[in-house]
Amino acid sequence: VYALVTAAGLMRMDPRPVLVVGSDTHTLTANPADRDLSILVGDGAGAVVLVPGPVDRVRAWNLGADGSCKDSLKVLAGGSRMPVSEETVRAGLHYAQINGNEIYLNAVRYTVRTIRETLEQAKVSALDVDHVVPHQANIRIINSVLNHTGIPADRLVANLDRYGNTASGSVPIALAEALDAGRIKDGDTVLLAGFGAGMTWGSMLLTWGGAA
């Protein structure tokens, strides 16, 4: 969602098509012995092309970040602060470490907040959203977000039951599948919403349709 919002802003300054790609290989950093994380994640990639048109179909967006939550999901080794060594590998410091309860609470809190602010900015009610495509992290998180925002459950586009949490690939993958199935049509109001480690969060409301 962050990348899509950035691309939409760039297109307003330079009206050319923008390719946005999200790709993650979560399983490379998931410890098979960690039942809190390893059973949830999957690998995947998705891409979206934004094309300028005579009508601006991006209606509203909201982004945010809170670095104080950085310890809720982290990989200690492998970067410039703690380079790869025999010791870091033996200690398992290349595996992701997660605080599941903290992730859940913050993911719900910040995703609900960003959705409400985007809908308010666009002057659109939750009932006017035709489709919501969230980050496919956890069905408990998604259902809680729907309950707190008032978006009907039948508007949800979800695929995590098949692929797990594919991280930055999850929104474009779910969006592509909904389009392939003919579920999303021109003129529909589509809400994209996501969150990530850090914490980061964002949402975008758009009217779906081609450039013509």
N, C-alpha and C. Protein backbone atom coordinates (compact mmCIF):
# COMPACT_ATOMS: atom_id res chain seq x y z
N VAL A 1 0.83 -1.19 0.00
CA VAL A 1 0.00 0.00 0.00
C VAL A 1 0.87 1.25 0.00
N TYR A 2 1.97 1.23 0.78
CA TYR A 2 2.90 2.36 0.77
C TYR A 2 3.39 2.65 -0.64
N ALA A 3 3.79 1.60 -1.35
CA ALA A 3 4.33 1.79 -2.69
C ALA A 3 3.26 2.29 -3.66
N LEU A 4 2.03 1.81 -3.52
CA LEU A 4 0.95 2.26 -4.40
C LEU A 4 0.64 3.74 -4.17
N VAL A 5 0.62 4.15 -2.91
CA VAL A 5 0.38 5.57 -2.60
C VAL A 5 1.49 6.44 -3.18
N THR A 6 2.74 5.99 -3.01
CA THR A 6 3.87 6.73 -3.57
C THR A 6 3.78 6.82 -5.07
N ALA A 7 3.41 5.71 -5.72
CA ALA A 7 3.28 5.70 -7.18
C ALA A 7 2.19 6.64 -7.64
N ALA A 8 1.07 6.67 -6.91
CA ALA A 8 -0.02 7.58 -7.27
C ALA A 8 0.42 9.03 -7.18
N GLY A 9 1.20 9.34 -6.13
CA GLY A 9 1.72 10.70 -6.00
C GLY A 9 2.69 11.05 -7.11
N LEU A 10 3.56 10.12 -7.49
CA LEU A 10 4.50 10.36 -8.59
C LEU A 10 3.77 10.60 -9.90
N MET A 11 2.70 9.85 -10.12
CA MET A 11 1.97 9.96 -11.38
C MET A 11 1.30 11.32 -11.53
N ARG A 12 0.96 11.94 -10.42
CA ARG A 12 0.36 13.26 -10.48
C ARG A 12 1.39 14.32 -10.91
N MET A 13 2.66 14.06 -10.61
CA MET A 13 3.72 14.99 -11.02
C MET A 13 4.25 14.66 -12.41
N ASP A 14 4.26 13.38 -12.75
CA ASP A 14 4.78 12.93 -14.03
C ASP A 14 3.83 11.86 -14.58
N PRO A 15 2.85 12.25 -15.40
CA PRO A 15 1.78 11.33 -15.82
C PRO A 15 2.23 10.23 -16.77
N ARG A 16 2.95 9.27 -16.22
CA ARG A 16 3.34 8.09 -16.97
C ARG A 16 2.95 6.84 -16.18
N PRO A 17 2.75 5.70 -16.84
CA PRO A 17 2.43 4.47 -16.12
C PRO A 17 3.53 4.11 -15.11
N VAL A 18 3.11 3.55 -13.98
CA VAL A 18 4.04 3.16 -12.92
C VAL A 18 3.82 1.70 -12.58
N LEU A 19 4.89 0.93 -12.58
CA LEU A 19 4.84 -0.48 -12.18
C LEU A 19 5.23 -0.60 -10.72
N VAL A 20 4.34 -1.21 -9.92
CA VAL A 20 4.59 -1.41 -8.50
C VAL A 20 4.65 -2.92 -8.23
N VAL A 21 5.74 -3.37 -7.63
CA VAL A 21 5.94 -4.80 -7.38
C VAL A 21 6.14 -5.04 -5.90
N GLY A 22 5.45 -6.06 -5.37
CA GLY A 22 5.65 -6.48 -3.99
C GLY A 22 6.05 -7.94 -3.97
N SER A 23 7.15 -8.27 -3.29
CA SER A 23 7.64 -9.64 -3.29
C SER A 23 8.33 -9.95 -1.97
N ASP A 24 8.03 -11.10 -1.39
CA ASP A 24 8.66 -11.51 -0.14
C ASP A 24 8.84 -13.02 -0.08
N THR A 25 9.92 -13.43 0.55
CA THR A 25 10.17 -14.85 0.80
C THR A 25 10.30 -15.04 2.31
N HIS A 26 9.17 -14.97 2.97
CA HIS A 26 9.11 -15.06 4.43
C HIS A 26 9.70 -16.36 4.96
N THR A 27 9.55 -17.44 4.21
CA THR A 27 9.97 -18.73 4.74
C THR A 27 11.48 -18.82 4.95
N LEU A 28 12.23 -17.93 4.31
CA LEU A 28 13.69 -17.95 4.48
C LEU A 28 14.11 -17.51 5.88
N THR A 29 13.27 -16.72 6.54
CA THR A 29 13.62 -16.22 7.87
C THR A 29 12.73 -16.80 8.96
N ALA A 30 11.85 -17.72 8.60
CA ALA A 30 10.96 -18.32 9.60
C ALA A 30 11.59 -19.57 10.20
N ASN A 31 11.70 -19.58 11.50
CA ASN A 31 12.23 -20.73 12.21
C ASN A 31 11.17 -21.83 12.22
N PRO A 32 11.45 -23.00 11.64
CA PRO A 32 10.45 -24.08 11.61
C PRO A 32 9.94 -24.48 12.99
N ALA A 33 10.75 -24.22 14.02
CA ALA A 33 10.34 -24.57 15.38
C ALA A 33 9.46 -23.51 16.02
N ASP A 34 9.32 -22.36 15.37
CA ASP A 34 8.53 -21.25 15.92
C ASP A 34 7.10 -21.39 15.42
N ARG A 35 6.23 -21.95 16.24
CA ARG A 35 4.84 -22.18 15.83
C ARG A 35 4.03 -20.89 15.75
N ASP A 36 4.53 -19.81 16.33
CA ASP A 36 3.81 -18.54 16.25
C ASP A 36 3.92 -17.91 14.87
N LEU A 37 4.99 -18.23 14.15
CA LEU A 37 5.24 -17.57 12.88
C LEU A 37 5.32 -18.52 11.69
N SER A 38 5.99 -19.65 11.87
CA SER A 38 6.27 -20.51 10.71
C SER A 38 5.01 -21.05 10.05
N ILE A 39 3.95 -21.27 10.83
CA ILE A 39 2.72 -21.81 10.24
C ILE A 39 1.89 -20.74 9.54
N LEU A 40 2.28 -19.47 9.66
CA LEU A 40 1.48 -18.38 9.11
C LEU A 40 2.00 -17.84 7.78
N VAL A 41 3.28 -18.05 7.50
CA VAL A 41 3.90 -17.30 6.40
C VAL A 41 3.98 -18.13 5.12
N GLY A 42 4.05 -17.40 4.01
CA GLY A 42 4.23 -18.00 2.69
C GLY A 42 5.06 -17.07 1.83
N ASP A 43 5.50 -17.56 0.71
CA ASP A 43 6.28 -16.77 -0.24
C ASP A 43 5.39 -16.37 -1.42
N GLY A 44 5.56 -15.15 -1.91
CA GLY A 44 4.74 -14.73 -3.03
C GLY A 44 5.16 -13.39 -3.59
N ALA A 45 4.66 -13.10 -4.77
CA ALA A 45 4.95 -11.82 -5.43
C ALA A 45 3.74 -11.38 -6.22
N GLY A 46 3.54 -10.08 -6.29
CA GLY A 46 2.44 -9.52 -7.07
C GLY A 46 2.86 -8.18 -7.64
N ALA A 47 2.19 -7.78 -8.70
CA ALA A 47 2.53 -6.51 -9.36
C ALA A 47 1.26 -5.80 -9.82
N VAL A 48 1.31 -4.49 -9.80
CA VAL A 48 0.19 -3.64 -10.25
C VAL A 48 0.76 -2.54 -11.14
N VAL A 49 0.07 -2.25 -12.23
CA VAL A 49 0.44 -1.13 -13.10
C VAL A 49 -0.61 -0.03 -12.93
N LEU A 50 -0.17 1.14 -12.49
CA LEU A 50 -1.05 2.30 -12.40
C LEU A 50 -0.90 3.12 -13.67
N VAL A 51 -2.03 3.42 -14.31
CA VAL A 51 -2.02 4.14 -15.57
C VAL A 51 -2.80 5.45 -15.42
N PRO A 52 -2.21 6.57 -15.81
CA PRO A 52 -2.92 7.85 -15.69
C PRO A 52 -4.10 7.90 -16.65
N GLY A 53 -5.13 8.60 -16.23
CA GLY A 53 -6.32 8.74 -17.06
C GLY A 53 -6.93 10.11 -16.91
N PRO A 54 -8.01 10.38 -17.64
CA PRO A 54 -8.64 11.70 -17.57
C PRO A 54 -9.29 11.99 -16.23
N VAL A 55 -9.56 10.92 -15.44
CA VAL A 55 -10.18 11.08 -14.13
C VAL A 55 -9.26 10.47 -13.09
N ASP A 56 -9.02 11.20 -12.00
CA ASP A 56 -8.19 10.67 -10.91
C ASP A 56 -9.04 9.70 -10.10
N ARG A 57 -8.73 8.42 -10.20
CA ARG A 57 -9.52 7.40 -9.52
C ARG A 57 -9.03 7.10 -8.11
N VAL A 58 -7.90 7.66 -7.73
CA VAL A 58 -7.42 7.52 -6.35
C VAL A 58 -8.11 8.60 -5.51
N ARG A 59 -8.99 8.19 -4.63
CA ARG A 59 -9.86 9.13 -3.94
C ARG A 59 -9.30 9.63 -2.61
N ALA A 60 -8.56 8.78 -1.91
CA ALA A 60 -7.99 9.20 -0.62
C ALA A 60 -6.97 8.15 -0.18
N TRP A 61 -6.06 8.60 0.70
CA TRP A 61 -5.12 7.65 1.29
C TRP A 61 -4.63 8.16 2.62
N ASN A 62 -4.01 7.25 3.37
CA ASN A 62 -3.46 7.60 4.67
C ASN A 62 -2.28 6.68 4.95
N LEU A 63 -1.19 7.23 5.47
CA LEU A 63 0.01 6.45 5.79
C LEU A 63 0.52 6.82 7.18
N GLY A 64 1.24 5.90 7.81
CA GLY A 64 1.82 6.22 9.11
C GLY A 64 2.89 5.22 9.50
N ALA A 65 3.67 5.57 10.51
CA ALA A 65 4.72 4.70 11.01
C ALA A 65 5.00 5.04 12.47
N ASP A 66 5.40 4.02 13.23
CA ASP A 66 5.75 4.19 14.63
C ASP A 66 6.94 3.30 14.92
N GLY A 67 8.13 3.89 14.93
CA GLY A 67 9.35 3.13 15.12
C GLY A 67 9.52 2.54 16.50
N SER A 68 8.73 2.98 17.47
CA SER A 68 8.84 2.43 18.82
C SER A 68 8.38 0.98 18.89
N CYS A 69 7.72 0.51 17.84
CA CYS A 69 7.22 -0.87 17.80
C CYS A 69 8.15 -1.81 17.05
N LYS A 70 9.38 -1.37 16.82
CA LYS A 70 10.30 -2.13 15.96
C LYS A 70 10.63 -3.52 16.52
N ASP A 71 10.55 -3.70 17.83
CA ASP A 71 10.93 -4.98 18.42
C ASP A 71 9.84 -6.03 18.35
N SER A 72 8.65 -5.66 17.87
CA SER A 72 7.57 -6.65 17.82
C SER A 72 7.78 -7.70 16.74
N LEU A 73 8.55 -7.35 15.70
CA LEU A 73 8.92 -8.31 14.67
C LEU A 73 10.27 -7.89 14.11
N LYS A 74 11.27 -8.75 14.28
CA LYS A 74 12.62 -8.34 13.90
C LYS A 74 13.48 -9.54 13.51
N VAL A 75 14.50 -9.28 12.71
CA VAL A 75 15.54 -10.24 12.39
C VAL A 75 16.85 -9.59 12.83
N LEU A 76 17.50 -10.14 13.82
CA LEU A 76 18.64 -9.47 14.44
C LEU A 76 19.89 -9.44 13.57
N ALA A 77 20.16 -10.52 12.84
CA ALA A 77 21.43 -10.63 12.11
C ALA A 77 21.21 -10.65 10.60
N GLY A 78 22.29 -10.30 9.89
CA GLY A 78 22.24 -10.34 8.44
C GLY A 78 22.35 -8.99 7.79
N GLY A 79 22.27 -7.92 8.58
CA GLY A 79 22.38 -6.57 8.06
C GLY A 79 23.70 -5.93 8.47
N SER A 80 23.79 -4.61 8.28
CA SER A 80 25.05 -3.91 8.57
C SER A 80 25.32 -3.83 10.07
N ARG A 81 24.28 -3.82 10.90
CA ARG A 81 24.49 -3.72 12.34
C ARG A 81 25.06 -5.01 12.91
N MET A 82 24.61 -6.15 12.38
CA MET A 82 25.11 -7.45 12.83
C MET A 82 25.32 -8.34 11.61
N PRO A 83 26.47 -8.20 10.96
CA PRO A 83 26.73 -8.96 9.73
C PRO A 83 26.73 -10.47 9.98
N VAL A 84 26.62 -11.21 8.88
CA VAL A 84 26.62 -12.66 8.95
C VAL A 84 27.96 -13.18 9.47
N SER A 85 27.88 -14.12 10.39
CA SER A 85 29.08 -14.79 10.89
C SER A 85 28.69 -16.19 11.31
N GLU A 86 29.69 -17.01 11.56
CA GLU A 86 29.39 -18.37 12.02
C GLU A 86 28.62 -18.33 13.34
N GLU A 87 28.96 -17.38 14.18
CA GLU A 87 28.30 -17.27 15.49
C GLU A 87 26.83 -16.88 15.35
N THR A 88 26.54 -15.94 14.47
CA THR A 88 25.14 -15.53 14.32
C THR A 88 24.29 -16.64 13.73
N VAL A 89 24.88 -17.42 12.83
CA VAL A 89 24.14 -18.53 12.25
C VAL A 89 23.89 -19.61 13.29
N ARG A 90 24.91 -19.95 14.06
CA ARG A 90 24.76 -20.97 15.10
C ARG A 90 23.74 -20.54 16.16
N ALA A 91 23.66 -19.25 16.41
CA ALA A 91 22.73 -18.74 17.43
C ALA A 91 21.31 -18.56 16.89
N GLY A 92 21.12 -18.79 15.60
CA GLY A 92 19.79 -18.65 15.01
C GLY A 92 19.30 -17.22 14.92
N LEU A 93 20.24 -16.27 14.82
CA LEU A 93 19.86 -14.86 14.81
C LEU A 93 19.35 -14.37 13.45
N HIS A 94 19.33 -15.27 12.46
CA HIS A 94 18.79 -14.90 11.14
C HIS A 94 17.32 -15.27 11.02
N TYR A 95 16.78 -15.87 12.05
CA TYR A 95 15.35 -16.17 12.07
C TYR A 95 14.57 -14.96 12.60
N ALA A 96 13.39 -14.77 12.06
CA ALA A 96 12.52 -13.69 12.53
C ALA A 96 12.03 -13.99 13.94
N GLN A 97 11.98 -12.95 14.75
CA GLN A 97 11.46 -13.06 16.12
C GLN A 97 10.21 -12.20 16.22
N ILE A 98 9.13 -12.77 16.73
CA ILE A 98 7.85 -12.07 16.73
C ILE A 98 7.23 -12.07 18.12
N ASN A 99 6.62 -10.95 18.46
CA ASN A 99 5.78 -10.84 19.65
C ASN A 99 4.34 -10.83 19.14
N GLY A 100 3.73 -12.01 19.10
CA GLY A 100 2.44 -12.16 18.46
C GLY A 100 1.34 -11.28 19.04
N ASN A 101 1.27 -11.20 20.36
CA ASN A 101 0.21 -10.40 21.00
C ASN A 101 0.37 -8.92 20.67
N GLU A 102 1.62 -8.44 20.70
CA GLU A 102 1.87 -7.03 20.39
C GLU A 102 1.55 -6.73 18.93
N ILE A 103 1.93 -7.63 18.04
CA ILE A 103 1.62 -7.46 16.62
C ILE A 103 0.12 -7.39 16.41
N TYR A 104 -0.60 -8.30 17.04
CA TYR A 104 -2.06 -8.34 16.87
C TYR A 104 -2.70 -7.03 17.33
N LEU A 105 -2.37 -6.58 18.53
CA LEU A 105 -2.99 -5.37 19.07
C LEU A 105 -2.68 -4.15 18.22
N ASN A 106 -1.42 -3.98 17.83
CA ASN A 106 -1.05 -2.81 17.04
C ASN A 106 -1.56 -2.89 15.62
N ALA A 107 -1.57 -4.09 15.04
CA ALA A 107 -2.08 -4.23 13.68
C ALA A 107 -3.55 -3.84 13.61
N VAL A 108 -4.33 -4.30 14.57
CA VAL A 108 -5.75 -3.94 14.59
C VAL A 108 -5.91 -2.45 14.83
N ARG A 109 -5.21 -1.93 15.83
CA ARG A 109 -5.35 -0.51 16.19
C ARG A 109 -5.01 0.41 15.02
N TYR A 110 -3.85 0.18 14.40
CA TYR A 110 -3.40 1.09 13.36
C TYR A 110 -4.14 0.88 12.04
N THR A 111 -4.52 -0.35 11.73
CA THR A 111 -5.26 -0.57 10.49
C THR A 111 -6.66 0.03 10.58
N VAL A 112 -7.30 -0.13 11.73
CA VAL A 112 -8.61 0.50 11.93
C VAL A 112 -8.49 2.02 11.81
N ARG A 113 -7.45 2.57 12.42
CA ARG A 113 -7.27 4.03 12.37
C ARG A 113 -7.07 4.53 10.94
N THR A 114 -6.20 3.86 10.18
CA THR A 114 -5.92 4.34 8.83
C THR A 114 -7.14 4.20 7.92
N ILE A 115 -7.91 3.13 8.10
CA ILE A 115 -9.12 2.96 7.29
C ILE A 115 -10.13 4.06 7.61
N ARG A 116 -10.34 4.32 8.88
CA ARG A 116 -11.29 5.36 9.26
C ARG A 116 -10.88 6.72 8.71
N GLU A 117 -9.59 7.03 8.78
CA GLU A 117 -9.14 8.33 8.30
C GLU A 117 -9.25 8.44 6.78
N THR A 118 -8.98 7.36 6.08
CA THR A 118 -9.11 7.39 4.62
C THR A 118 -10.57 7.54 4.20
N LEU A 119 -11.46 6.79 4.84
CA LEU A 119 -12.88 6.89 4.51
C LEU A 119 -13.42 8.28 4.85
N GLU A 120 -12.97 8.83 5.97
CA GLU A 120 -13.41 10.18 6.35
C GLU A 120 -12.92 11.21 5.35
N GLN A 121 -11.68 11.07 4.92
CA GLN A 121 -11.13 12.00 3.94
C GLN A 121 -11.91 11.96 2.63
N ALA A 122 -12.32 10.75 2.23
CA ALA A 122 -13.06 10.59 0.98
C ALA A 122 -14.55 10.84 1.14
N LYS A 123 -15.01 11.03 2.40
CA LYS A 123 -16.43 11.20 2.71
C LYS A 123 -17.24 10.00 2.22
N VAL A 124 -16.72 8.84 2.55
CA VAL A 124 -17.35 7.57 2.16
C VAL A 124 -17.60 6.76 3.42
N SER A 125 -18.76 6.12 3.52
CA SER A 125 -19.05 5.28 4.67
C SER A 125 -18.53 3.87 4.44
N ALA A 126 -18.40 3.13 5.52
CA ALA A 126 -17.92 1.74 5.42
C ALA A 126 -18.85 0.90 4.55
N LEU A 127 -20.13 1.20 4.58
CA LEU A 127 -21.09 0.43 3.79
C LEU A 127 -20.99 0.71 2.30
N ASP A 128 -20.32 1.82 1.94
CA ASP A 128 -20.15 2.16 0.52
C ASP A 128 -18.95 1.49 -0.11
N VAL A 129 -18.15 0.80 0.69
CA VAL A 129 -16.98 0.09 0.16
C VAL A 129 -17.45 -1.22 -0.48
N ASP A 130 -17.16 -1.38 -1.76
CA ASP A 130 -17.57 -2.61 -2.46
C ASP A 130 -16.64 -3.78 -2.17
N HIS A 131 -15.34 -3.49 -2.04
CA HIS A 131 -14.36 -4.54 -1.80
C HIS A 131 -13.25 -3.98 -0.91
N VAL A 132 -12.85 -4.75 0.07
CA VAL A 132 -11.68 -4.39 0.88
C VAL A 132 -10.63 -5.48 0.70
N VAL A 133 -9.43 -5.05 0.32
CA VAL A 133 -8.32 -5.97 0.08
C VAL A 133 -7.25 -5.65 1.13
N PRO A 134 -7.22 -6.39 2.23
CA PRO A 134 -6.25 -6.10 3.29
C PRO A 134 -4.97 -6.91 3.14
N HIS A 135 -3.97 -6.50 3.87
CA HIS A 135 -2.77 -7.33 4.03
C HIS A 135 -3.20 -8.66 4.62
N GLN A 136 -2.79 -9.75 3.99
CA GLN A 136 -3.26 -11.07 4.38
C GLN A 136 -2.36 -11.65 5.48
N ALA A 137 -2.45 -11.09 6.66
CA ALA A 137 -1.56 -11.49 7.75
C ALA A 137 -2.16 -12.59 8.62
N ASN A 138 -3.39 -12.40 9.03
CA ASN A 138 -3.99 -13.26 10.03
C ASN A 138 -5.49 -13.03 9.99
N ILE A 139 -6.29 -14.09 9.92
CA ILE A 139 -7.73 -13.91 9.77
C ILE A 139 -8.34 -13.28 11.02
N ARG A 140 -7.74 -13.51 12.20
CA ARG A 140 -8.25 -12.87 13.41
C ARG A 140 -8.06 -11.36 13.33
N ILE A 141 -6.92 -10.92 12.83
CA ILE A 141 -6.68 -9.49 12.67
C ILE A 141 -7.66 -8.91 11.67
N ILE A 142 -7.83 -9.57 10.55
CA ILE A 142 -8.72 -9.07 9.50
C ILE A 142 -10.15 -8.97 10.00
N ASN A 143 -10.65 -10.01 10.65
CA ASN A 143 -12.03 -9.99 11.15
C ASN A 143 -12.22 -8.91 12.20
N SER A 144 -11.23 -8.69 13.04
CA SER A 144 -11.33 -7.64 14.05
C SER A 144 -11.38 -6.26 13.40
N VAL A 145 -10.58 -6.06 12.35
CA VAL A 145 -10.60 -4.79 11.63
C VAL A 145 -11.97 -4.55 11.01
N LEU A 146 -12.54 -5.58 10.39
CA LEU A 146 -13.87 -5.44 9.80
C LEU A 146 -14.90 -5.08 10.86
N ASN A 147 -14.84 -5.76 12.01
CA ASN A 147 -15.80 -5.49 13.08
C ASN A 147 -15.69 -4.05 13.59
N HIS A 148 -14.48 -3.56 13.74
CA HIS A 148 -14.28 -2.22 14.30
C HIS A 148 -14.57 -1.10 13.29
N THR A 149 -14.46 -1.39 12.02
CA THR A 149 -14.72 -0.35 11.00
C THR A 149 -16.13 -0.40 10.45
N GLY A 150 -16.82 -1.51 10.66
CA GLY A 150 -18.18 -1.64 10.14
C GLY A 150 -18.27 -2.05 8.69
N ILE A 151 -17.15 -2.48 8.09
CA ILE A 151 -17.17 -2.97 6.72
C ILE A 151 -17.76 -4.37 6.71
N PRO A 152 -18.81 -4.62 5.93
CA PRO A 152 -19.43 -5.95 5.91
C PRO A 152 -18.46 -7.05 5.50
N ALA A 153 -18.59 -8.20 6.12
CA ALA A 153 -17.66 -9.31 5.88
C ALA A 153 -17.72 -9.80 4.43
N ASP A 154 -18.86 -9.62 3.78
CA ASP A 154 -18.96 -10.11 2.39
C ASP A 154 -18.21 -9.23 1.40
N ARG A 155 -17.66 -8.11 1.87
CA ARG A 155 -16.85 -7.25 1.00
C ARG A 155 -15.37 -7.64 1.02
N LEU A 156 -15.02 -8.58 1.88
CA LEU A 156 -13.62 -8.96 2.07
C LEU A 156 -13.09 -9.79 0.91
N VAL A 157 -11.88 -9.44 0.45
CA VAL A 157 -11.13 -10.25 -0.50
C VAL A 157 -9.98 -10.88 0.27
N ALA A 158 -9.97 -12.21 0.38
CA ALA A 158 -8.96 -12.89 1.18
C ALA A 158 -8.47 -14.15 0.47
N ASN A 159 -7.19 -14.45 0.67
CA ASN A 159 -6.62 -15.68 0.11
C ASN A 159 -5.60 -16.34 1.05
N LEU A 160 -5.51 -15.84 2.28
CA LEU A 160 -4.48 -16.35 3.18
C LEU A 160 -4.73 -17.81 3.56
N ASP A 161 -5.97 -18.30 3.36
CA ASP A 161 -6.23 -19.71 3.64
C ASP A 161 -5.50 -20.62 2.66
N ARG A 162 -5.06 -20.04 1.53
CA ARG A 162 -4.35 -20.83 0.52
C ARG A 162 -2.85 -20.58 0.53
N TYR A 163 -2.43 -19.35 0.81
CA TYR A 163 -1.02 -19.00 0.68
C TYR A 163 -0.36 -18.58 1.98
N GLY A 164 -1.13 -18.31 3.01
CA GLY A 164 -0.56 -17.75 4.23
C GLY A 164 -0.26 -16.27 4.05
N ASN A 165 0.57 -15.75 4.92
CA ASN A 165 0.95 -14.34 4.89
C ASN A 165 2.11 -14.15 3.92
N THR A 166 1.82 -13.60 2.77
CA THR A 166 2.85 -13.37 1.75
C THR A 166 3.40 -11.95 1.81
N ALA A 167 3.18 -11.27 2.93
CA ALA A 167 3.78 -9.96 3.21
C ALA A 167 3.47 -8.94 2.12
N SER A 168 4.49 -8.31 1.55
CA SER A 168 4.25 -7.22 0.59
C SER A 168 3.61 -7.71 -0.69
N GLY A 169 3.62 -9.02 -0.92
CA GLY A 169 2.95 -9.56 -2.10
C GLY A 169 1.48 -9.81 -1.89
N SER A 170 1.00 -9.75 -0.65
CA SER A 170 -0.35 -10.22 -0.35
C SER A 170 -1.46 -9.37 -0.97
N VAL A 171 -1.34 -8.05 -0.89
CA VAL A 171 -2.39 -7.18 -1.45
C VAL A 171 -2.47 -7.30 -2.97
N PRO A 172 -1.35 -7.17 -3.71
CA PRO A 172 -1.47 -7.32 -5.17
C PRO A 172 -1.89 -8.72 -5.61
N ILE A 173 -1.49 -9.76 -4.88
CA ILE A 173 -1.92 -11.12 -5.24
C ILE A 173 -3.43 -11.25 -5.08
N ALA A 174 -3.95 -10.82 -3.93
CA ALA A 174 -5.40 -10.90 -3.68
C ALA A 174 -6.17 -10.04 -4.66
N LEU A 175 -5.64 -8.87 -4.98
CA LEU A 175 -6.29 -7.98 -5.95
C LEU A 175 -6.35 -8.63 -7.32
N ALA A 176 -5.24 -9.23 -7.74
CA ALA A 176 -5.20 -9.88 -9.06
C ALA A 176 -6.18 -11.04 -9.13
N GLU A 177 -6.27 -11.82 -8.06
CA GLU A 177 -7.20 -12.95 -8.06
C GLU A 177 -8.65 -12.49 -8.11
N ALA A 178 -8.96 -11.41 -7.41
CA ALA A 178 -10.32 -10.88 -7.44
C ALA A 178 -10.68 -10.38 -8.84
N LEU A 179 -9.71 -9.79 -9.51
CA LEU A 179 -9.95 -9.32 -10.88
C LEU A 179 -10.11 -10.50 -11.83
N ASP A 180 -9.26 -11.51 -11.70
CA ASP A 180 -9.35 -12.68 -12.56
C ASP A 180 -10.68 -13.39 -12.39
N ALA A 181 -11.23 -13.35 -11.18
CA ALA A 181 -12.51 -14.01 -10.91
C ALA A 181 -13.70 -13.17 -11.34
N GLY A 182 -13.44 -11.94 -11.81
CA GLY A 182 -14.53 -11.07 -12.23
C GLY A 182 -15.28 -10.44 -11.08
N ARG A 183 -14.70 -10.50 -9.91
CA ARG A 183 -15.38 -9.96 -8.73
C ARG A 183 -15.34 -8.43 -8.71
N ILE A 184 -14.19 -7.85 -9.05
CA ILE A 184 -14.06 -6.39 -9.08
C ILE A 184 -14.32 -5.90 -10.49
N LYS A 185 -15.21 -4.92 -10.60
CA LYS A 185 -15.61 -4.39 -11.91
C LYS A 185 -15.38 -2.88 -11.96
N ASP A 186 -15.33 -2.34 -13.17
CA ASP A 186 -15.17 -0.91 -13.34
C ASP A 186 -16.24 -0.15 -12.57
N GLY A 187 -15.81 0.88 -11.88
CA GLY A 187 -16.74 1.70 -11.10
C GLY A 187 -16.87 1.28 -9.65
N ASP A 188 -16.34 0.11 -9.29
CA ASP A 188 -16.41 -0.35 -7.90
C ASP A 188 -15.49 0.48 -7.00
N THR A 189 -15.91 0.63 -5.76
CA THR A 189 -15.10 1.30 -4.76
C THR A 189 -14.25 0.26 -4.03
N VAL A 190 -12.94 0.38 -4.16
CA VAL A 190 -12.01 -0.62 -3.62
C VAL A 190 -11.14 0.02 -2.54
N LEU A 191 -11.06 -0.64 -1.40
CA LEU A 191 -10.23 -0.17 -0.30
C LEU A 191 -9.06 -1.14 -0.12
N LEU A 192 -7.85 -0.61 -0.19
CA LEU A 192 -6.64 -1.39 0.10
C LEU A 192 -6.11 -0.96 1.46
N ALA A 193 -5.72 -1.91 2.29
CA ALA A 193 -5.24 -1.57 3.63
C ALA A 193 -4.18 -2.57 4.06
N GLY A 194 -3.13 -2.06 4.72
CA GLY A 194 -2.08 -2.96 5.14
C GLY A 194 -1.30 -2.40 6.31
N PHE A 195 -0.47 -3.27 6.88
CA PHE A 195 0.43 -2.87 7.95
C PHE A 195 1.70 -3.71 7.84
N GLY A 196 2.74 -3.26 8.51
CA GLY A 196 3.99 -4.00 8.46
C GLY A 196 4.81 -3.80 9.71
N ALA A 197 5.91 -4.52 9.78
CA ALA A 197 6.79 -4.42 10.94
C ALA A 197 7.31 -3.00 11.06
N GLY A 198 7.51 -2.62 12.31
CA GLY A 198 8.06 -1.27 12.50
C GLY A 198 7.46 -0.45 13.62
N MET A 199 6.13 -0.18 13.72
CA MET A 199 5.07 -0.59 12.79
C MET A 199 4.87 0.45 11.68
N THR A 200 4.37 -0.02 10.57
CA THR A 200 3.93 0.86 9.50
C THR A 200 2.51 0.48 9.13
N TRP A 201 1.77 1.44 8.57
CA TRP A 201 0.40 1.15 8.16
C TRP A 201 0.00 2.11 7.04
N GLY A 202 -1.02 1.71 6.29
CA GLY A 202 -1.48 2.56 5.21
C GLY A 202 -2.74 2.02 4.59
N SER A 203 -3.49 2.91 3.94
CA SER A 203 -4.71 2.52 3.23
C SER A 203 -4.93 3.46 2.06
N MET A 204 -5.64 2.95 1.07
CA MET A 204 -5.94 3.73 -0.13
C MET A 204 -7.34 3.37 -0.60
N LEU A 205 -8.13 4.39 -0.93
CA LEU A 205 -9.47 4.18 -1.47
C LEU A 205 -9.45 4.62 -2.93
N LEU A 206 -9.94 3.76 -3.81
CA LEU A 206 -9.94 4.12 -5.23
C LEU A 206 -11.20 3.62 -5.91
N THR A 207 -11.52 4.27 -7.01
CA THR A 207 -12.58 3.81 -7.89
C THR A 207 -11.94 3.00 -8.99
N TRP A 208 -12.29 1.72 -9.07
CA TRP A 208 -11.63 0.86 -10.01
C TRP A 208 -12.03 1.18 -11.45
N GLY A 209 -11.06 1.16 -12.35
CA GLY A 209 -11.37 1.36 -13.75
C GLY A 209 -10.12 1.60 -14.57
N GLY A 210 -10.27 1.49 -15.87
CA GLY A 210 -9.15 1.68 -16.77
C GLY A 210 -8.85 3.14 -17.01
N ALA A 211 -7.92 3.39 -17.90
CA ALA A 211 -7.48 4.76 -18.17
C ALA A 211 -8.46 5.52 -19.03
N ALA A 212 -9.28 4.82 -19.76
CA ALA A 212 -10.20 5.50 -20.71
C ALA A 212 -11.37 6.11 -19.97
